[in-house]
Amino acid sequence: MKKVIDWVTIKFLIVGVINTLVGTSVMFLCYNVFRMGYWPSSAMNYIIGSIVSFFLNKYFTFKSGKKSLGEAVRFVLNITVCYVLAYGVAKPCVYSVLGGYSGTVRDNAAMFVGMCLFVAFNYFGQRFLVFRDK
């Protein structure tokens, strides 16, 4: 358990707060103001947020000074898998629970749940696959 919850975990959470403020603002703005829809809005969250996340986690959280294409590729693959998994699970689950509510309410709730799932999946992916110690 010590390997999972330590100072690196705390730094990841700090970066996550910054990333969440940026990405969530983009996502809900795209959905509610620009009417971009569920998938495009949540995707914009992770396109913009992933750029912020990569650099903050690489240099602040995991202190990886490597100039590695493999690291960047693993990061993109991790983000993609976590995104598809989190949002793909969230939408049908939330839609089944909130069946009597409007599509807008269900989509906003599903985006929130997807965001929470994504954080958990992404932490383990970045810690143990992308920026792992060899």
Protein backbone atom coordinates (compact mmCIF):
# COMPACT_ATOMS: atom_id res chain seq x y z
CA MET A 1 0.00 0.00 0.00
CA LYS A 2 2.92 2.34 0.69
CA LYS A 3 3.89 2.24 -3.02
CA VAL A 4 0.42 3.43 -4.07
CA ILE A 5 -0.21 6.18 -1.49
CA ASP A 6 2.82 8.42 -0.99
CA TRP A 7 4.12 11.91 -1.90
CA VAL A 8 3.84 11.05 -5.61
CA THR A 9 0.14 10.32 -5.09
CA ILE A 10 -0.32 13.71 -3.40
CA LYS A 11 1.47 15.51 -6.25
CA PHE A 12 -0.65 13.61 -8.79
CA LEU A 13 -3.78 14.81 -6.98
CA ILE A 14 -2.52 18.43 -7.00
CA VAL A 15 -1.88 18.21 -10.74
CA GLY A 16 -5.29 16.58 -11.06
CA VAL A 17 -7.00 19.54 -9.42
CA ILE A 18 -5.30 21.95 -11.84
CA ASN A 19 -6.03 19.69 -14.79
CA THR A 20 -9.63 19.18 -13.65
CA LEU A 21 -10.28 22.91 -13.40
CA VAL A 22 -8.97 23.43 -16.93
CA GLY A 23 -10.51 20.35 -18.53
CA THR A 24 -13.89 20.49 -16.81
CA SER A 25 -14.30 24.13 -17.71
CA VAL A 26 -13.59 23.29 -21.34
CA MET A 27 -15.93 20.26 -21.31
CA PHE A 28 -18.97 21.94 -19.78
CA LEU A 29 -18.43 25.11 -21.81
CA CYS A 30 -18.31 23.06 -25.03
CA TYR A 31 -21.41 21.07 -24.07
CA ASN A 32 -23.61 23.77 -22.51
CA VAL A 33 -22.54 26.89 -24.41
CA PHE A 34 -21.31 25.63 -27.77
CA ARG A 35 -23.74 22.63 -27.88
CA MET A 36 -21.00 20.27 -29.08
CA GLY A 37 -22.58 17.07 -27.69
CA TYR A 38 -21.44 14.45 -25.17
CA TRP A 39 -18.51 12.83 -26.99
CA PRO A 40 -16.98 15.96 -28.59
CA SER A 41 -17.27 17.93 -25.33
CA SER A 42 -15.73 15.23 -23.17
CA ALA A 43 -13.04 14.67 -25.82
CA MET A 44 -12.10 18.38 -25.74
CA ASN A 45 -11.65 18.03 -21.99
CA TYR A 46 -9.05 15.31 -22.50
CA ILE A 47 -7.31 16.84 -25.48
CA ILE A 48 -6.67 20.12 -23.64
CA GLY A 49 -6.33 18.54 -20.21
CA SER A 50 -3.94 15.86 -21.43
CA ILE A 51 -1.47 18.40 -22.71
CA VAL A 52 -1.46 20.12 -19.31
CA SER A 53 -1.34 16.77 -17.51
CA PHE A 54 1.55 15.35 -19.53
CA PHE A 55 3.94 18.18 -18.77
CA LEU A 56 2.95 18.67 -15.13
CA ASN A 57 3.05 14.94 -14.36
CA LYS A 58 6.23 14.31 -16.35
CA TYR A 59 8.29 17.03 -14.68
CA PHE A 60 6.55 17.71 -11.34
CA THR A 61 4.83 14.50 -10.24
CA PHE A 62 7.00 11.73 -11.62
CA LYS A 63 10.19 13.78 -12.22
CA SER A 64 10.90 12.06 -15.50
CA GLY A 65 13.67 13.86 -17.34
CA LYS A 66 13.77 11.35 -20.16
CA LYS A 67 13.41 12.57 -23.73
CA SER A 68 11.47 9.47 -24.70
CA LEU A 69 9.10 9.06 -27.61
CA GLY A 70 7.96 5.82 -25.97
CA GLU A 71 6.89 7.74 -22.88
CA ALA A 72 4.78 10.13 -24.97
CA VAL A 73 3.26 7.24 -26.92
CA ARG A 74 2.42 5.34 -23.72
CA PHE A 75 0.88 8.54 -22.32
CA VAL A 76 -1.38 9.02 -25.36
CA LEU A 77 -2.40 5.35 -25.33
CA ASN A 78 -3.12 5.48 -21.60
CA ILE A 79 -5.24 8.62 -21.92
CA THR A 80 -7.13 7.15 -24.88
CA VAL A 81 -7.88 3.82 -23.18
CA CYS A 82 -8.86 5.51 -19.89
CA TYR A 83 -11.10 8.00 -21.72
CA VAL A 84 -12.95 5.41 -23.79
CA LEU A 85 -13.33 3.07 -20.83
CA ALA A 86 -14.44 5.73 -18.30
CA TYR A 87 -16.89 7.57 -20.53
CA GLY A 88 -18.07 4.41 -22.25
CA VAL A 89 -19.01 2.93 -18.87
CA ALA A 90 -20.37 6.16 -17.37
CA LYS A 91 -22.94 7.04 -20.01
CA PRO A 92 -24.98 3.81 -20.05
CA CYS A 93 -24.79 3.48 -16.26
CA VAL A 94 -25.96 7.03 -15.60
CA TYR A 95 -28.62 6.80 -18.30
CA SER A 96 -30.06 3.68 -16.67
CA VAL A 97 -30.07 5.27 -13.19
CA LEU A 98 -31.43 8.67 -14.32
CA GLY A 99 -33.85 7.37 -16.94
CA GLY A 100 -36.62 9.86 -16.08
CA TYR A 101 -34.44 12.96 -16.46
CA SER A 102 -33.73 15.02 -19.58
CA GLY A 103 -30.86 14.15 -21.89
CA THR A 104 -29.00 17.27 -20.79
CA VAL A 105 -29.16 16.28 -17.11
CA ARG A 106 -28.12 12.71 -17.90
CA ASP A 107 -25.25 13.83 -20.15
CA ASN A 108 -23.93 16.30 -17.56
CA ALA A 109 -24.14 13.62 -14.84
CA ALA A 110 -22.49 11.03 -17.12
CA MET A 111 -19.66 13.45 -17.91
CA PHE A 112 -19.12 13.99 -14.17
CA VAL A 113 -19.11 10.24 -13.44
CA GLY A 114 -16.84 9.61 -16.43
CA MET A 115 -14.45 12.24 -15.14
CA CYS A 116 -14.26 10.50 -11.74
CA LEU A 117 -13.66 7.08 -13.30
CA PHE A 118 -11.04 8.56 -15.61
CA VAL A 119 -9.04 9.97 -12.68
CA ALA A 120 -8.76 6.55 -11.04
CA PHE A 121 -7.88 4.68 -14.25
CA ASN A 122 -5.44 7.37 -15.35
CA TYR A 123 -3.53 7.46 -12.05
CA PHE A 124 -2.70 3.77 -12.20
CA GLY A 125 -1.88 3.95 -15.90
CA GLN A 126 0.49 6.89 -15.52
CA ARG A 127 2.10 5.63 -12.32
CA PHE A 128 2.68 2.03 -13.35
CA LEU A 129 2.84 2.16 -17.16
CA VAL A 130 3.71 5.60 -18.53
CA PHE A 131 6.18 7.05 -16.01
CA ARG A 132 7.15 3.81 -14.26
CA ASP A 133 10.49 3.40 -12.59
CA LYS A 134 12.49 0.68 -14.22
